[in-house]
């Protein structure tokens, strides 16, 4: 009886072992197919044994690979150096809190064939991305955002010329069309004279923008930056000088192009304000340069030097022939030039000219006689 019971127990154990072995065998046979369904096709370079072994390990840790380490994490920069080993990259990803298990992450990279195609470059990653998402992101170092800089003193055409290499998707032609003939729906269009372009109001600054920013979004961001920087204090300063917003920006654009030394801006602004108050012409070279437009022989929008013939150009922007301010800004002035107009120096000067030492500084004078005496030999 005891022997029969023992034999039955052995048979049951053998049957259980066969069932377990069969189940494990079936699971092992199914592992590559199941892994492919979850993680995509494996690398063609894997042997059958490698595919089976790695697939099995990935399936067991499926949740770890498909779930973020920290759903509330913020984006952070992560740089991959040229020639940096995959082991070192994954180790740093774990050390910086972006993934939880560097070894498991490497296994997935090997399975997907991504371990040899990580690109060097700057990335914006986050622990709210799953390890699989991070692995895919590391295959393209093209940033999702671009930095676009507008320099103080640029006119619209110079902004347009910087667009092709910026990474933004709209064309220079589309930008110019929009900026020269802005739609009436723009928030600040009511502050501009009818038919005005946006010259002068696209605030010079460094902008961090999504690559797919539209032309409409781009213009609105620039105008919003202008409105945030040209605050109530500046506008009150303009009013104290007897200038409305457009007049102030116009004068600031002239100051921007005249000044080489930022420290002279408030003094240059005072000269022009003194001349306006006295009914004198501004006699500003940059307004002539703006009227002349692009100079192909010099490859610039700002011809230098000017000739006597240039000073006779028929244009509403010719401040040698026409009194008062030109009809609008000649460039996009920076904050320093705008502040110089809002808070100019108090000076007795009506004239200034470039110093003869090549420093870029100016000599200021009260009378025409003094001004003439300051001419270079």
Protein backbone atom coordinates (compact mmCIF):
# COMPACT_ATOMS: atom_id res chain seq x y z
CA UNK A 1 0.00 0.00 0.00
CA UNK A 2 2.75 2.38 0.94
CA UNK A 3 4.63 1.48 -2.23
CA UNK A 4 1.54 2.18 -4.33
CA UNK A 5 1.07 5.56 -2.67
CA UNK A 6 4.70 6.42 -3.26
CA UNK A 7 4.45 5.40 -6.90
CA UNK A 8 1.34 7.53 -7.35
CA UNK A 9 3.10 10.49 -5.77
CA UNK A 10 6.02 10.07 -8.15
CA UNK A 11 3.66 9.92 -11.10
CA UNK A 12 1.92 13.10 -9.94
CA UNK A 13 5.22 14.89 -9.49
CA UNK A 14 6.38 13.73 -12.89
CA UNK A 15 3.13 14.90 -14.45
CA UNK A 16 3.43 18.28 -12.70
CA UNK A 17 7.02 18.61 -13.85
CA UNK A 18 5.96 17.84 -17.40
CA UNK A 19 3.21 20.41 -17.23
CA UNK A 20 5.60 23.02 -15.82
CA UNK A 21 8.22 22.18 -18.39
CA UNK A 22 5.62 22.31 -21.13
CA UNK A 23 4.31 25.64 -19.91
CA UNK A 24 7.80 27.06 -19.62
CA UNK A 25 8.67 25.69 -23.02
CA UNK A 26 5.54 27.20 -24.52
CA UNK A 27 6.30 30.52 -22.84
CA UNK A 28 9.89 30.36 -23.99
CA UNK A 29 8.77 29.65 -27.54
CA UNK A 30 6.28 32.51 -27.35
CA UNK A 31 8.67 35.01 -25.70
CA UNK A 32 10.14 36.48 -28.92
CA UNK A 33 6.69 36.89 -30.46
CA UNK A 34 5.31 38.44 -27.30
CA UNK A 35 8.30 40.79 -26.96
CA UNK A 36 7.89 41.86 -30.58
CA UNK A 37 4.25 42.63 -29.94
CA UNK A 38 5.15 44.78 -26.92
CA UNK A 39 8.47 46.36 -27.90
CA UNK A 40 8.51 46.17 -31.69
CA UNK A 41 10.69 44.20 -34.06
CA UNK A 42 14.09 43.07 -32.72
CA UNK A 43 17.40 43.93 -34.32
CA UNK A 44 18.23 41.67 -37.27
CA UNK A 45 21.75 41.25 -35.92
CA UNK A 46 20.53 39.18 -32.93
CA UNK A 47 21.00 35.44 -33.00
CA UNK A 48 18.01 33.21 -32.24
CA UNK A 49 19.40 32.52 -28.77
CA UNK A 50 20.05 36.23 -28.07
CA UNK A 51 16.57 37.12 -29.24
CA UNK A 52 15.00 34.50 -27.00
CA UNK A 53 17.11 35.38 -23.96
CA UNK A 54 16.66 39.15 -24.19
CA UNK A 55 12.96 38.87 -25.08
CA UNK A 56 12.40 36.80 -21.96
CA UNK A 57 14.14 39.37 -19.74
CA UNK A 58 12.25 42.29 -21.29
CA UNK A 59 8.89 40.61 -20.81
CA UNK A 60 9.63 40.01 -17.15
CA UNK A 61 10.45 43.74 -16.71
CA UNK A 62 7.84 45.12 -19.12
CA UNK A 63 6.35 47.58 -16.63
CA UNK A 64 9.76 49.06 -15.78
CA UNK A 65 10.47 49.76 -19.45
CA UNK A 66 7.09 51.23 -20.32
CA UNK A 67 6.54 53.35 -17.20
CA UNK A 68 8.24 56.68 -16.37
CA UNK A 69 10.44 56.86 -13.31
CA UNK A 70 8.77 60.07 -12.11
CA UNK A 71 5.52 61.22 -13.81
CA UNK A 72 5.88 64.66 -12.16
CA UNK A 73 9.48 65.28 -13.26
CA UNK A 74 10.53 68.42 -15.11
CA UNK A 75 12.49 68.44 -18.39
CA UNK A 76 16.26 68.57 -18.09
CA UNK A 77 19.21 68.87 -20.44
CA UNK A 78 21.25 65.80 -21.27
CA UNK A 79 24.31 65.88 -23.53
CA UNK A 80 25.78 62.92 -25.39
CA UNK A 81 29.41 63.40 -26.34
CA UNK A 82 30.77 62.33 -29.71
CA UNK A 83 32.10 58.75 -29.41
CA UNK A 84 30.77 58.28 -25.88
CA UNK A 85 30.25 54.54 -25.11
CA UNK A 86 26.69 53.28 -24.68
CA UNK A 87 27.58 51.92 -21.24
CA UNK A 88 28.63 55.40 -20.08
CA UNK A 89 25.51 57.03 -21.55
CA UNK A 90 23.17 54.61 -19.79
CA UNK A 91 25.10 54.91 -16.54
CA UNK A 92 24.70 58.71 -16.62
CA UNK A 93 21.01 58.41 -17.47
CA UNK A 94 20.54 56.41 -14.29
CA UNK A 95 22.79 58.69 -12.22
CA UNK A 96 20.83 61.76 -13.33
CA UNK A 97 17.53 60.17 -12.38
CA UNK A 98 16.15 59.75 -15.89
CA UNK A 99 15.93 55.94 -15.79
CA UNK A 100 15.85 53.44 -12.95
CA UNK A 101 17.95 50.55 -14.26
CA UNK A 102 20.86 51.14 -16.64
CA UNK A 103 21.37 47.40 -17.27
CA UNK A 104 17.75 46.86 -18.27
CA UNK A 105 17.89 49.97 -20.48
CA UNK A 106 20.96 48.61 -22.27
CA UNK A 107 19.17 45.31 -22.87
CA UNK A 108 16.32 47.13 -24.56
CA UNK A 109 18.76 49.16 -26.67
CA UNK A 110 20.45 45.93 -27.81
CA UNK A 111 17.10 44.24 -28.51
CA UNK A 112 15.87 47.18 -30.63
CA UNK A 113 19.26 47.73 -32.32
CA UNK A 114 19.47 51.23 -30.89
CA UNK A 115 22.65 50.76 -28.90
CA UNK A 116 24.89 51.70 -31.85
CA UNK A 117 22.79 54.54 -33.26
CA UNK A 118 22.60 56.98 -30.34
CA UNK A 119 23.49 60.40 -31.73
CA UNK A 120 25.80 62.90 -30.08
CA UNK A 121 24.13 66.19 -29.24
CA UNK A 122 22.05 68.13 -26.76
CA UNK A 123 18.75 66.61 -25.65
CA UNK A 124 15.85 67.70 -23.50
CA UNK A 125 14.73 64.61 -21.56
CA UNK A 126 12.57 63.98 -18.53
CA UNK A 127 11.98 61.19 -16.00
CA UNK A 128 8.31 61.45 -16.95
CA UNK A 129 9.33 59.76 -20.21
CA UNK A 130 9.46 55.97 -20.16
CA UNK A 131 12.82 54.29 -20.82
CA UNK A 132 11.52 53.20 -24.24
CA UNK A 133 10.63 56.83 -25.07
CA UNK A 134 14.05 58.01 -23.91
CA UNK A 135 15.75 55.37 -26.06
CA UNK A 136 13.85 56.58 -29.12
CA UNK A 137 14.57 60.24 -28.32
CA UNK A 138 18.30 59.55 -28.23
CA UNK A 139 18.19 58.58 -31.92
CA UNK A 140 17.59 62.16 -33.03
CA UNK A 141 19.70 65.00 -31.67
CA UNK A 142 17.68 67.60 -33.56
CA UNK A 143 16.22 69.71 -30.73
CA UNK A 144 12.47 70.22 -30.50
CA UNK A 145 13.19 73.87 -29.72
CA UNK A 146 15.44 76.44 -31.37
CA UNK A 147 17.06 79.64 -30.15
CA UNK A 148 16.42 82.66 -32.35
CA UNK A 149 18.12 85.97 -31.66
CA UNK A 150 17.14 89.38 -32.98
CA UNK A 151 19.93 91.94 -32.66
CA UNK A 152 19.16 95.52 -31.68
CA UNK A 153 19.28 97.68 -34.79
CA UNK A 154 18.14 95.00 -37.24
CA UNK A 155 15.52 96.04 -39.77
CA UNK A 156 12.81 93.61 -40.89
CA UNK A 157 14.86 92.33 -43.82
CA UNK A 158 17.76 91.44 -41.55
CA UNK A 159 15.45 89.42 -39.31
CA UNK A 160 14.18 87.64 -42.42
CA UNK A 161 17.75 86.89 -43.55
CA UNK A 162 18.42 85.06 -40.26
CA UNK A 163 15.45 82.71 -40.63
CA UNK A 164 16.77 80.10 -43.11
CA UNK A 165 19.43 78.86 -40.65
CA UNK A 166 17.28 79.24 -37.53
CA UNK A 167 15.50 75.89 -37.60
CA UNK A 168 12.09 77.58 -37.79
CA UNK A 169 9.85 76.28 -40.56
CA UNK A 170 8.35 79.40 -42.15
CA UNK A 171 10.11 81.25 -44.96
CA UNK A 172 11.68 84.72 -44.97
CA UNK A 173 9.14 85.71 -47.61
CA UNK A 174 6.23 84.67 -45.40
CA UNK A 175 7.71 86.61 -42.49
CA UNK A 176 8.19 89.79 -44.51
CA UNK A 177 4.72 89.58 -45.99
CA UNK A 178 3.20 89.24 -42.52
CA UNK A 179 5.40 91.91 -40.90
CA UNK A 180 5.02 94.48 -43.67
CA UNK A 181 1.25 94.05 -43.93
CA UNK A 182 0.19 92.80 -40.48
CA UNK A 183 -3.39 91.62 -39.99
CA UNK A 184 -5.79 93.89 -38.16
CA UNK A 185 -6.36 91.11 -35.60
CA UNK A 186 -2.95 91.64 -33.95
CA UNK A 187 -3.36 92.86 -30.34
CA UNK A 188 -1.34 96.09 -30.67
CA UNK A 189 -2.18 96.99 -34.25
CA UNK A 190 -4.54 99.73 -32.99
CA UNK A 191 -1.49 101.62 -31.60
CA UNK A 192 0.07 101.92 -35.06
CA UNK A 193 -0.93 104.30 -37.86
CA UNK A 194 -3.04 102.70 -40.62
CA UNK A 195 -0.90 100.86 -43.13
CA UNK A 196 2.15 100.66 -40.86
CA UNK A 197 4.51 97.69 -40.83
CA UNK A 198 5.80 96.13 -37.63
CA UNK A 199 9.24 97.74 -38.09
CA UNK A 200 10.45 98.86 -34.68
CA UNK A 201 8.11 96.68 -32.63
CA UNK A 202 9.72 93.24 -32.99
CA UNK A 203 11.70 93.36 -29.78
CA UNK A 204 15.41 92.47 -30.02
CA UNK A 205 16.08 89.57 -27.68
CA UNK A 206 16.94 85.88 -27.48
CA UNK A 207 13.89 83.66 -28.00
CA UNK A 208 13.51 79.96 -27.24
CA UNK A 209 10.86 78.66 -29.63
CA UNK A 210 9.38 75.30 -30.69
CA UNK A 211 10.63 74.37 -34.15
CA UNK A 212 7.07 74.23 -35.47
CA UNK A 213 6.20 77.77 -34.34
CA UNK A 214 3.96 79.34 -36.97
CA UNK A 215 4.55 82.78 -38.44
CA UNK A 216 1.50 84.07 -36.56
CA UNK A 217 2.77 82.69 -33.25
CA UNK A 218 6.26 84.03 -33.92
CA UNK A 219 5.06 87.59 -34.49
CA UNK A 220 2.76 87.48 -31.47
CA UNK A 221 5.60 86.28 -29.22
CA UNK A 222 7.83 89.16 -30.39
CA UNK A 223 5.08 91.73 -29.90
CA UNK A 224 4.28 90.35 -26.45
CA UNK A 225 7.95 90.71 -25.51
CA UNK A 226 7.84 94.33 -26.73
CA UNK A 227 4.77 95.06 -24.62
CA UNK A 228 6.28 93.44 -21.54
CA UNK A 229 9.55 95.42 -21.85
CA UNK A 230 8.01 98.73 -22.92
CA UNK A 231 6.14 99.06 -19.65
CA UNK A 232 4.16 101.88 -18.04
CA UNK A 233 7.35 103.56 -16.77
CA UNK A 234 8.81 103.81 -20.27
CA UNK A 235 5.54 104.98 -21.78
CA UNK A 236 5.28 107.70 -19.14
CA UNK A 237 8.83 108.73 -20.01
CA UNK A 238 7.90 108.98 -23.68
CA UNK A 239 4.90 111.15 -22.81
CA UNK A 240 7.09 113.51 -20.80
CA UNK A 241 9.15 114.09 -23.94
CA UNK A 242 5.98 114.92 -25.87
CA UNK A 243 6.12 111.69 -27.86
CA UNK A 244 3.48 109.05 -28.50
CA UNK A 245 4.52 105.39 -28.75
CA UNK A 246 5.24 105.35 -32.49
CA UNK A 247 7.21 108.62 -32.33
CA UNK A 248 9.23 107.35 -29.38
CA UNK A 249 10.07 104.04 -31.07
CA UNK A 250 10.97 105.92 -34.25
CA UNK A 251 13.38 108.19 -32.40
CA UNK A 252 14.79 105.23 -30.46
CA UNK A 253 15.45 103.41 -33.75
CA UNK A 254 17.49 106.39 -34.96
CA UNK A 255 19.40 106.55 -31.66
CA UNK A 256 20.06 102.80 -31.95
CA UNK A 257 21.66 103.15 -35.37
CA UNK A 258 23.60 106.33 -34.49
CA UNK A 259 25.16 105.05 -31.27
CA UNK A 260 28.18 102.80 -31.14
CA UNK A 261 28.71 103.24 -27.42
CA UNK A 262 25.58 102.42 -25.39
CA UNK A 263 26.68 104.97 -22.80
CA UNK A 264 26.19 107.77 -25.34
CA UNK A 265 22.60 106.88 -26.21
CA UNK A 266 20.91 109.20 -23.72
CA UNK A 267 23.12 112.10 -24.88
CA UNK A 268 22.37 111.39 -28.56
CA UNK A 269 18.67 111.24 -27.71
CA UNK A 270 18.96 114.64 -26.02
CA UNK A 271 20.48 116.16 -29.18
CA UNK A 272 17.60 114.95 -31.35
CA UNK A 273 15.00 116.06 -28.82
CA UNK A 274 16.65 119.49 -28.65
CA UNK A 275 16.57 119.73 -32.44
CA UNK A 276 12.92 118.68 -32.61
CA UNK A 277 12.00 121.27 -29.98
CA UNK A 278 13.84 123.97 -31.95
CA UNK A 279 12.19 122.99 -35.25
CA UNK A 280 15.50 121.87 -36.75
CA UNK A 281 15.93 118.94 -39.12
CA UNK A 282 17.41 115.80 -37.56
CA UNK A 283 20.09 115.35 -40.27
CA UNK A 284 20.51 111.67 -39.38
CA UNK A 285 22.59 109.44 -41.65
CA UNK A 286 20.82 106.18 -40.64
CA UNK A 287 17.53 107.52 -41.99
CA UNK A 288 19.24 107.98 -45.38
CA UNK A 289 20.66 104.47 -45.15
CA UNK A 290 17.19 103.11 -44.46
CA UNK A 291 15.78 104.95 -47.48
CA UNK A 292 18.58 103.68 -49.77
CA UNK A 293 17.91 100.05 -48.89
CA UNK A 294 20.14 97.09 -49.70
CA UNK A 295 23.56 97.80 -51.19
CA UNK A 296 24.67 94.80 -53.22
CA UNK A 297 28.22 96.10 -53.69
CA UNK A 298 28.69 96.32 -49.92
CA UNK A 299 26.31 93.44 -49.09
CA UNK A 300 24.59 95.52 -46.43
CA UNK A 301 21.36 97.36 -45.72
CA UNK A 302 23.33 100.23 -44.17
CA UNK A 303 25.46 101.96 -46.78
CA UNK A 304 28.64 103.54 -45.45
CA UNK A 305 30.00 106.03 -46.26
CA UNK A 306 27.21 108.15 -47.70
CA UNK A 307 27.76 110.55 -50.58
CA UNK A 308 26.40 114.07 -51.04
CA UNK A 309 24.13 112.63 -53.73
CA UNK A 310 22.74 110.13 -51.21
CA UNK A 311 21.72 113.02 -48.95
CA UNK A 312 19.45 114.30 -51.73
CA UNK A 313 17.43 111.08 -52.10
CA UNK A 314 13.73 111.77 -52.40
CA UNK A 315 12.17 109.87 -49.51
CA UNK A 316 9.96 110.61 -46.52
CA UNK A 317 12.79 109.09 -44.49
CA UNK A 318 15.31 111.72 -45.63
CA UNK A 319 15.76 113.79 -42.46
CA UNK A 320 18.25 116.05 -44.25
CA UNK A 321 15.44 117.37 -46.43
CA UNK A 322 12.34 116.85 -44.31
CA UNK A 323 11.79 118.32 -40.82
CA UNK A 324 10.65 116.27 -37.86
CA UNK A 325 10.66 112.54 -37.42
CA UNK A 326 10.42 110.13 -40.36
CA UNK A 327 7.07 108.35 -40.80
CA UNK A 328 8.13 105.32 -38.78
CA UNK A 329 11.01 103.39 -37.21
CA UNK A 330 14.05 102.54 -39.31
CA UNK A 331 14.98 99.43 -37.30
CA UNK A 332 14.02 97.51 -34.19
CA UNK A 333 15.61 99.33 -31.25
CA UNK A 334 16.80 97.62 -28.10
CA UNK A 335 15.81 98.44 -24.54
CA UNK A 336 18.79 100.78 -24.00
CA UNK A 337 17.80 103.00 -26.92
CA UNK A 338 14.17 103.04 -25.81
CA UNK A 339 15.21 104.04 -22.30
CA UNK A 340 17.48 106.75 -23.71
CA UNK A 341 14.45 108.35 -25.38
CA UNK A 342 12.26 107.97 -22.30
CA UNK A 343 14.93 109.32 -19.96
CA UNK A 344 17.34 111.43 -22.06
CA UNK A 345 20.27 113.37 -20.69
CA UNK A 346 19.65 117.05 -20.11
CA UNK A 347 22.12 118.73 -22.43
CA UNK A 348 22.61 122.01 -24.33
CA UNK A 349 23.80 120.16 -27.43
CA UNK A 350 22.32 120.41 -30.93
CA UNK A 351 25.11 118.69 -32.87
CA UNK A 352 27.31 115.60 -32.68
CA UNK A 353 29.71 113.85 -34.99
CA UNK A 354 32.02 110.84 -34.84
CA UNK A 355 35.32 111.38 -33.11
CA UNK A 356 38.37 111.16 -35.33
CA UNK A 357 40.17 108.51 -33.27
CA UNK A 358 38.14 105.59 -34.63
CA UNK A 359 36.75 104.77 -31.19
CA UNK A 360 33.13 105.04 -32.30
CA UNK A 361 32.51 107.75 -29.74
CA UNK A 362 31.08 111.16 -30.65
CA UNK A 363 31.96 114.80 -30.09
CA UNK A 364 29.02 116.96 -29.01
CA UNK A 365 28.63 120.71 -29.50
CA UNK A 366 26.13 123.50 -28.91
CA UNK A 367 26.72 125.56 -32.07
CA UNK A 368 27.27 124.90 -35.75
CA UNK A 369 30.66 126.63 -35.51
CA UNK A 370 31.82 124.25 -32.78
CA UNK A 371 30.42 121.35 -34.78
CA UNK A 372 32.43 122.35 -37.84
CA UNK A 373 35.55 122.74 -35.74
CA UNK A 374 35.14 119.11 -34.61
CA UNK A 375 35.47 117.87 -38.20
CA UNK A 376 38.33 115.49 -38.84
CA UNK A 377 41.37 117.01 -40.58
